[in-house]
C-alpha atoms as a PDB file:
ATOM      1  CA  UNK A   1      74.680 173.305 218.237  1.00  0.00           C
ATOM      2  CA  UNK A   2      75.904 174.627 214.946  1.00  0.00           C
ATOM      3  CA  UNK A   3      74.732 177.428 212.648  1.00  0.00           C
ATOM      4  CA  UNK A   4      71.655 176.425 210.677  1.00  0.00           C
ATOM      5  CA  UNK A   5      70.127 174.313 213.462  1.00  0.00           C
ATOM      6  CA  UNK A   6      66.540 174.890 214.537  1.00  0.00           C
ATOM      7  CA  UNK A   7      66.538 175.926 218.216  1.00  0.00           C
ATOM      8  CA  UNK A   8      63.992 176.313 220.985  1.00  0.00           C
ATOM      9  CA  UNK A   9      64.534 179.272 223.300  1.00  0.00           C
ATOM     10  CA  UNK A  10      62.997 181.542 225.900  1.00  0.00           C
ATOM     11  CA  UNK A  11      62.955 185.304 225.835  1.00  0.00           C
ATOM     12  CA  UNK A  12      64.083 187.328 228.810  1.00  0.00           C
ATOM     13  CA  UNK A  13      60.431 188.235 229.620  1.00  0.00           C
ATOM     14  CA  UNK A  14      59.556 184.511 229.927  1.00  0.00           C
ATOM     15  CA  UNK A  15      61.866 183.833 232.893  1.00  0.00           C
ATOM     16  CA  UNK A  16      59.963 182.515 235.925  1.00  0.00           C
ATOM     17  CA  UNK A  17      62.827 182.070 238.449  1.00  0.00           C
ATOM     18  CA  UNK A  18      66.118 183.877 237.893  1.00  0.00           C
ATOM     19  CA  UNK A  19      67.880 181.386 240.171  1.00  0.00           C
ATOM     20  CA  UNK A  20      66.683 178.278 238.338  1.00  0.00           C
ATOM     21  CA  UNK A  21      66.950 178.523 234.534  1.00  0.00           C
ATOM     22  CA  UNK A  22      65.391 175.050 234.065  1.00  0.00           C
ATOM     23  CA  UNK A  23      61.972 176.224 235.161  1.00  0.00           C
ATOM     24  CA  UNK A  24      61.764 178.675 232.234  1.00  0.00           C
ATOM     25  CA  UNK A  25      59.543 177.346 229.345  1.00  0.00           C
ATOM     26  CA  UNK A  26      61.258 177.492 226.004  1.00  0.00           C
ATOM     27  CA  UNK A  27      58.261 178.205 223.720  1.00  0.00           C
ATOM     28  CA  UNK A  28      59.896 180.056 220.800  1.00  0.00           C
ATOM     29  CA  UNK A  29      61.450 178.501 217.715  1.00  0.00           C
ATOM     30  CA  UNK A  30      64.158 180.066 215.601  1.00  0.00           C
ATOM     31  CA  UNK A  31      67.199 179.486 213.380  1.00  0.00           C
ATOM     32  CA  UNK A  32      70.632 179.539 214.969  1.00  0.00           C
ATOM     33  CA  UNK A  33      72.950 181.977 213.171  1.00  0.00           C
ATOM     34  CA  UNK A  34      75.907 181.872 215.539  1.00  0.00           C
ATOM     35  CA  UNK A  35      76.876 180.418 218.970  1.00  0.00           C
ATOM     36  CA  UNK A  36      79.776 181.607 221.047  1.00  0.00           C
ATOM     37  CA  UNK A  37      80.709 178.879 223.519  1.00  0.00           C
ATOM     38  CA  UNK A  38      83.206 181.242 225.234  1.00  0.00           C
ATOM     39  CA  UNK A  39      80.599 183.934 225.920  1.00  0.00           C
ATOM     40  CA  UNK A  40      77.645 181.464 226.089  1.00  0.00           C
ATOM     41  CA  UNK A  41      75.663 183.695 223.678  1.00  0.00           C
ATOM     42  CA  UNK A  42      73.513 182.611 220.750  1.00  0.00           C
ATOM     43  CA  UNK A  43      72.397 184.690 217.825  1.00  0.00           C
ATOM     44  CA  UNK A  44      69.005 183.575 216.568  1.00  0.00           C
ATOM     45  CA  UNK A  45      66.778 184.559 213.676  1.00  0.00           C
ATOM     46  CA  UNK A  46      63.164 184.660 214.880  1.00  0.00           C
ATOM     47  CA  UNK A  47      60.269 186.226 212.935  1.00  0.00           C
ATOM     48  CA  UNK A  48      62.577 188.371 210.814  1.00  0.00           C
ATOM     49  CA  UNK A  49      64.432 189.699 213.852  1.00  0.00           C
ATOM     50  CA  UNK A  50      67.937 188.857 215.048  1.00  0.00           C
ATOM     51  CA  UNK A  51      68.023 188.171 218.794  1.00  0.00           C
ATOM     52  CA  UNK A  52      70.970 187.679 221.190  1.00  0.00           C
ATOM     53  CA  UNK A  53      70.071 185.054 223.738  1.00  0.00           C
ATOM     54  CA  UNK A  54      71.910 183.626 226.800  1.00  0.00           C
ATOM     55  CA  UNK A  55      73.183 180.089 226.484  1.00  0.00           C
ATOM     56  CA  UNK A  56      71.046 178.954 229.450  1.00  0.00           C
ATOM     57  CA  UNK A  57      67.856 179.908 227.670  1.00  0.00           C
ATOM     58  CA  UNK A  58      68.472 177.991 224.422  1.00  0.00           C
ATOM     59  CA  UNK A  59      68.490 174.316 223.331  1.00  0.00           C
ATOM     60  CA  UNK A  60      68.436 172.441 220.087  1.00  0.00           C
ATOM     61  CA  UNK A  61      64.924 171.782 218.794  1.00  0.00           C
ATOM     62  CA  UNK A  62      63.797 168.177 218.235  1.00  0.00           C
ATOM     63  CA  UNK A  63      61.450 166.395 215.840  1.00  0.00           C
ATOM     64  CA  UNK A  64      58.321 167.252 217.820  1.00  0.00           C
ATOM     65  CA  UNK A  65      58.981 171.032 217.651  1.00  0.00           C
ATOM     66  CA  UNK A  66      57.247 172.778 214.780  1.00  0.00           C
ATOM     67  CA  UNK A  67      56.956 176.319 213.548  1.00  0.00           C
ATOM     68  CA  UNK A  68      53.454 177.721 214.103  1.00  0.00           C
ATOM     69  CA  UNK A  69      52.391 180.141 211.402  1.00  0.00           C
ATOM     70  CA  UNK A  70      50.744 183.376 212.629  1.00  0.00           C
END
């Protein structure tokens, strides 16, 4: 992932099982600002807020992901 990529991520409140990160649904879409591979920490712009998210809770968004307007 590089800055400017659209990413899909989960917030801390969305975690289902703390021991298995793969069961957590990644429902949110945002814009990656920065990713530190050493710290495994992503900085994401989501709904005019800057969020810091763990590396296990984020992945690059694909073609089927879209931004839902609210």
